Amino acid sequence: MRGFLLLLLTGVIGLSLSVLPASAHSRLVSISPADGASLASAPTEVVLTFNEPVNPKFVTVRVTDAEGGDVVGEKATADGSKVTLPISDPIAAGTYNIVYRVVSADSHPISGSTSFTLKGDPLAPPASATPSPSSSDAASASASPSASASPTSSSSASSTPATADDAGTADGDSIPVWVWILVTLGLVGAIAGTYYAVRRDESQG
């Protein structure tokens, strides 16, 4: 009986040690634009931050429209725990999805999706130099009254990145480490109690 209990205790401890590392997989900490954000102007990049470095060889981030088509031609890159997708192409107003999939340093895949809405003008290309007006144009302009209007800027969405709880469904979520510690302690306590109960019965017998 004593040998059986020791073997069982060893098995429980080994199982707990093997499970604890698995509960510490990488997970998404924040994403910008934030999930559900409403933007007045097009973002210039998508930035995802994880709680630990990811494998730069297996990083995929897409920005898709309502029909599921890609609207960004660039590729995402990883630098430690930060993944960046540059956006240089013009984007029209509408709702877009950010679909991501990465692989953590321990080869655990993490994937999910978020969305944002663009309400302002599309991303404008850099302005070219404006040619100087000719003398005739200047004379014509001076002859007619000019009207100036100051546009009212729309309030932009908050730049605060979304936390992991707001960043859509991700496969990287796991059970907290303290839960496994409590389970392990409970099992060890139960085994120890059973062992001493059996010894007491044997000594009384």
Protein backbone atom coordinates (compact mmCIF):
# COMPACT_ATOMS: atom_id res chain seq x y z
CA MET A 1 0.00 0.00 0.00
CA ARG A 2 2.79 2.40 0.88
CA GLY A 3 4.48 1.81 -2.47
CA PHE A 4 1.22 2.41 -4.31
CA LEU A 5 0.63 5.72 -2.54
CA LEU A 6 4.16 6.91 -3.26
CA LEU A 7 3.76 5.99 -6.92
CA LEU A 8 0.44 7.83 -7.09
CA LEU A 9 1.92 10.91 -5.42
CA THR A 10 4.82 10.93 -7.88
CA GLY A 11 2.42 10.72 -10.79
CA VAL A 12 0.32 13.63 -9.54
CA ILE A 13 3.37 15.85 -9.06
CA GLY A 14 4.72 14.98 -12.51
CA LEU A 15 1.36 15.72 -14.14
CA SER A 16 1.14 19.08 -12.38
CA LEU A 17 4.63 20.07 -13.48
CA SER A 18 3.83 19.19 -17.08
CA VAL A 19 0.59 21.19 -17.05
CA LEU A 20 1.99 24.37 -15.45
CA PRO A 21 4.13 25.44 -18.44
CA ALA A 22 1.20 24.82 -20.78
CA SER A 23 -0.91 27.32 -18.84
CA ALA A 24 1.59 30.11 -19.55
CA HIS A 25 1.17 30.32 -23.33
CA SER A 26 1.51 33.63 -25.12
CA ARG A 27 -1.60 35.81 -25.35
CA LEU A 28 -2.60 39.10 -26.92
CA VAL A 29 -2.21 42.03 -24.51
CA SER A 30 -3.32 44.96 -26.69
CA ILE A 31 -4.15 45.93 -30.26
CA SER A 32 -4.31 49.25 -32.10
CA PRO A 33 -6.70 50.30 -33.58
CA ALA A 34 -8.73 49.15 -30.61
CA ASP A 35 -11.48 46.60 -31.10
CA GLY A 36 -14.69 48.43 -32.01
CA ALA A 37 -12.92 51.78 -32.50
CA SER A 38 -14.53 54.45 -34.68
CA LEU A 39 -11.82 56.45 -36.46
CA ALA A 40 -12.05 59.84 -38.14
CA SER A 41 -8.96 59.15 -40.27
CA ALA A 42 -7.37 56.00 -41.63
CA PRO A 43 -4.72 54.33 -39.44
CA THR A 44 -1.19 54.14 -40.77
CA GLU A 45 -0.45 50.81 -39.10
CA VAL A 46 -1.86 47.95 -37.05
CA VAL A 47 0.09 47.10 -33.89
CA LEU A 48 -0.43 43.96 -31.80
CA THR A 49 1.38 43.43 -28.51
CA PHE A 50 1.68 40.01 -26.85
CA ASN A 51 2.81 39.10 -23.33
CA GLU A 52 5.97 37.42 -24.65
CA PRO A 53 7.96 37.24 -27.91
CA VAL A 54 6.45 35.49 -30.92
CA ASN A 55 8.14 33.60 -33.74
CA PRO A 56 8.80 36.13 -36.54
CA LYS A 57 8.68 33.37 -39.15
CA PHE A 58 5.01 32.61 -38.51
CA VAL A 59 3.22 35.96 -38.35
CA THR A 60 0.08 36.74 -40.35
CA VAL A 61 -2.00 39.90 -39.97
CA ARG A 62 -4.71 40.87 -42.47
CA VAL A 63 -7.07 43.83 -42.75
CA THR A 64 -10.23 42.77 -44.60
CA ASP A 65 -13.35 44.58 -45.76
CA ALA A 66 -16.96 43.50 -45.27
CA GLU A 67 -16.64 40.99 -48.13
CA GLY A 68 -13.50 39.43 -46.67
CA GLY A 69 -11.12 40.90 -49.23
CA ASP A 70 -7.67 42.11 -48.24
CA VAL A 71 -7.23 45.89 -48.31
CA VAL A 72 -3.58 46.03 -47.21
CA GLY A 73 -0.78 44.77 -49.43
CA GLU A 74 2.04 44.96 -46.88
CA LYS A 75 3.28 42.09 -44.73
CA ALA A 76 3.36 42.10 -40.95
CA THR A 77 6.67 41.89 -39.10
CA ALA A 78 7.48 40.85 -35.54
CA ASP A 79 9.96 42.46 -33.19
CA GLY A 80 9.99 40.55 -29.92
CA SER A 81 6.46 40.69 -28.51
CA LYS A 82 5.32 43.44 -30.91
CA VAL A 83 3.79 42.75 -34.34
CA THR A 84 3.32 45.62 -36.81
CA LEU A 85 1.42 45.78 -40.10
CA PRO A 86 2.03 49.05 -42.02
CA ILE A 87 -0.88 50.57 -43.95
CA SER A 88 0.15 52.81 -46.86
CA ASP A 89 -2.70 52.21 -49.32
CA PRO A 90 -5.76 54.49 -49.24
CA ILE A 91 -8.70 53.04 -47.30
CA ALA A 92 -12.28 54.13 -47.94
CA ALA A 93 -14.78 54.71 -45.15
CA GLY A 94 -16.32 51.50 -43.84
CA THR A 95 -15.95 48.68 -41.33
CA TYR A 96 -12.83 46.51 -41.38
CA ASN A 97 -11.67 43.37 -39.62
CA ILE A 98 -8.16 42.71 -38.31
CA VAL A 99 -7.44 38.99 -38.55
CA TYR A 100 -4.24 37.74 -36.94
CA ARG A 101 -2.42 34.47 -36.39
CA VAL A 102 1.01 34.10 -34.77
CA VAL A 103 3.05 31.35 -33.17
CA SER A 104 4.58 31.83 -29.73
CA ALA A 105 8.14 30.95 -28.80
CA ASP A 106 6.92 27.59 -27.44
CA SER A 107 5.19 26.82 -30.79
CA HIS A 108 1.67 27.54 -29.50
CA PRO A 109 -0.57 29.16 -32.18
CA ILE A 110 -2.52 32.28 -31.24
CA SER A 111 -5.26 33.61 -33.52
CA GLY A 112 -8.22 35.95 -33.35
CA SER A 113 -9.92 38.93 -34.94
CA THR A 114 -11.08 42.45 -34.08
CA SER A 115 -12.81 45.22 -36.01
CA PHE A 116 -12.79 48.99 -36.43
CA THR A 117 -14.81 51.53 -38.40
CA LEU A 118 -13.42 54.32 -40.53
CA LYS A 119 -15.78 57.29 -40.80
CA GLY A 120 -13.41 59.95 -42.14
CA ASP A 121 -11.76 60.49 -45.50
CA PRO A 122 -9.46 57.80 -46.92
CA LEU A 123 -5.76 58.01 -46.33
CA ALA A 124 -4.55 60.82 -48.59
CA PRO A 125 -1.22 60.55 -50.46
CA PRO A 126 1.48 63.11 -49.65
CA ALA A 127 0.64 66.53 -51.06
CA SER A 128 2.78 67.65 -54.01
CA ALA A 129 4.26 71.11 -54.29
CA THR A 130 1.67 73.68 -55.34
CA PRO A 131 2.76 75.72 -58.43
CA SER A 132 2.88 79.50 -58.09
CA PRO A 133 -0.12 81.21 -59.74
CA SER A 134 0.53 83.23 -62.86
CA SER A 135 0.13 86.98 -62.93
CA SER A 136 -3.19 86.71 -64.80
CA ASP A 137 -4.51 84.19 -62.28
CA ALA A 138 -3.44 86.47 -59.44
CA ALA A 139 -5.18 89.43 -61.03
CA SER A 140 -8.35 87.41 -61.57
CA ALA A 141 -8.26 86.15 -58.00
CA SER A 142 -7.82 89.69 -56.63
CA ALA A 143 -10.80 90.89 -58.63
CA SER A 144 -13.20 88.38 -57.11
CA PRO A 145 -13.98 88.16 -53.36
CA SER A 146 -12.54 85.17 -51.60
CA ALA A 147 -14.33 83.16 -48.97
CA SER A 148 -12.57 81.09 -46.40
CA ALA A 149 -14.09 78.36 -44.35
CA SER A 150 -12.52 76.63 -41.44
CA PRO A 151 -13.56 72.98 -41.43
CA THR A 152 -14.70 71.45 -38.23
CA SER A 153 -12.52 68.53 -37.28
CA SER A 154 -14.24 65.38 -36.21
CA SER A 155 -13.39 63.96 -32.88
CA SER A 156 -11.07 61.06 -33.36
CA ALA A 157 -11.37 57.76 -31.62
CA SER A 158 -9.45 57.12 -28.46
CA SER A 159 -5.89 55.96 -29.11
CA THR A 160 -5.85 53.75 -26.06
CA PRO A 161 -5.05 50.21 -27.22
CA ALA A 162 -7.56 47.49 -26.48
CA THR A 163 -6.73 45.14 -23.68
CA ALA A 164 -6.69 41.42 -24.21
CA ASP A 165 -10.29 41.16 -22.90
CA ASP A 166 -11.48 43.58 -25.61
CA ALA A 167 -9.44 42.15 -28.46
CA GLY A 168 -11.80 39.47 -29.76
CA THR A 169 -11.55 35.74 -29.27
CA ALA A 170 -8.01 34.35 -29.16
CA ASP A 171 -6.83 30.76 -28.96
CA GLY A 172 -4.04 31.74 -26.55
CA ASP A 173 -6.27 32.08 -23.44
CA SER A 174 -5.45 29.54 -20.72
CA ILE A 175 -6.23 28.59 -17.13
CA PRO A 176 -4.30 30.71 -14.58
CA VAL A 177 -1.28 29.12 -12.97
CA TRP A 178 -2.64 29.55 -9.42
CA VAL A 179 -5.57 27.26 -10.26
CA TRP A 180 -3.18 24.41 -11.08
CA ILE A 181 -1.21 25.09 -7.88
CA LEU A 182 -4.38 24.81 -5.77
CA VAL A 183 -5.43 21.61 -7.57
CA THR A 184 -1.99 20.10 -7.00
CA LEU A 185 -1.95 20.99 -3.31
CA GLY A 186 -5.44 19.57 -2.90
CA LEU A 187 -4.46 16.27 -4.52
CA VAL A 188 -1.28 16.01 -2.45
CA GLY A 189 -3.28 16.69 0.72
CA ALA A 190 -5.86 14.05 -0.18
CA ILE A 191 -3.17 11.46 -0.90
CA ALA A 192 -1.34 12.26 2.33
CA GLY A 193 -4.56 11.95 4.33
CA THR A 194 -5.35 8.61 2.74
CA TYR A 195 -1.84 7.36 3.44
CA TYR A 196 -1.94 8.21 7.16
CA ALA A 197 -5.45 6.78 7.49
CA VAL A 198 -4.28 3.48 6.02
CA ARG A 199 -1.25 3.42 8.36
CA ARG A 200 -3.46 4.07 11.38
CA ASP A 201 -5.81 1.25 10.41
CA GLU A 202 -2.86 -1.11 9.92
CA SER A 203 -1.35 -0.21 13.30
CA GLN A 204 -4.68 -0.71 15.05
CA GLY A 205 -5.21 -4.00 13.29
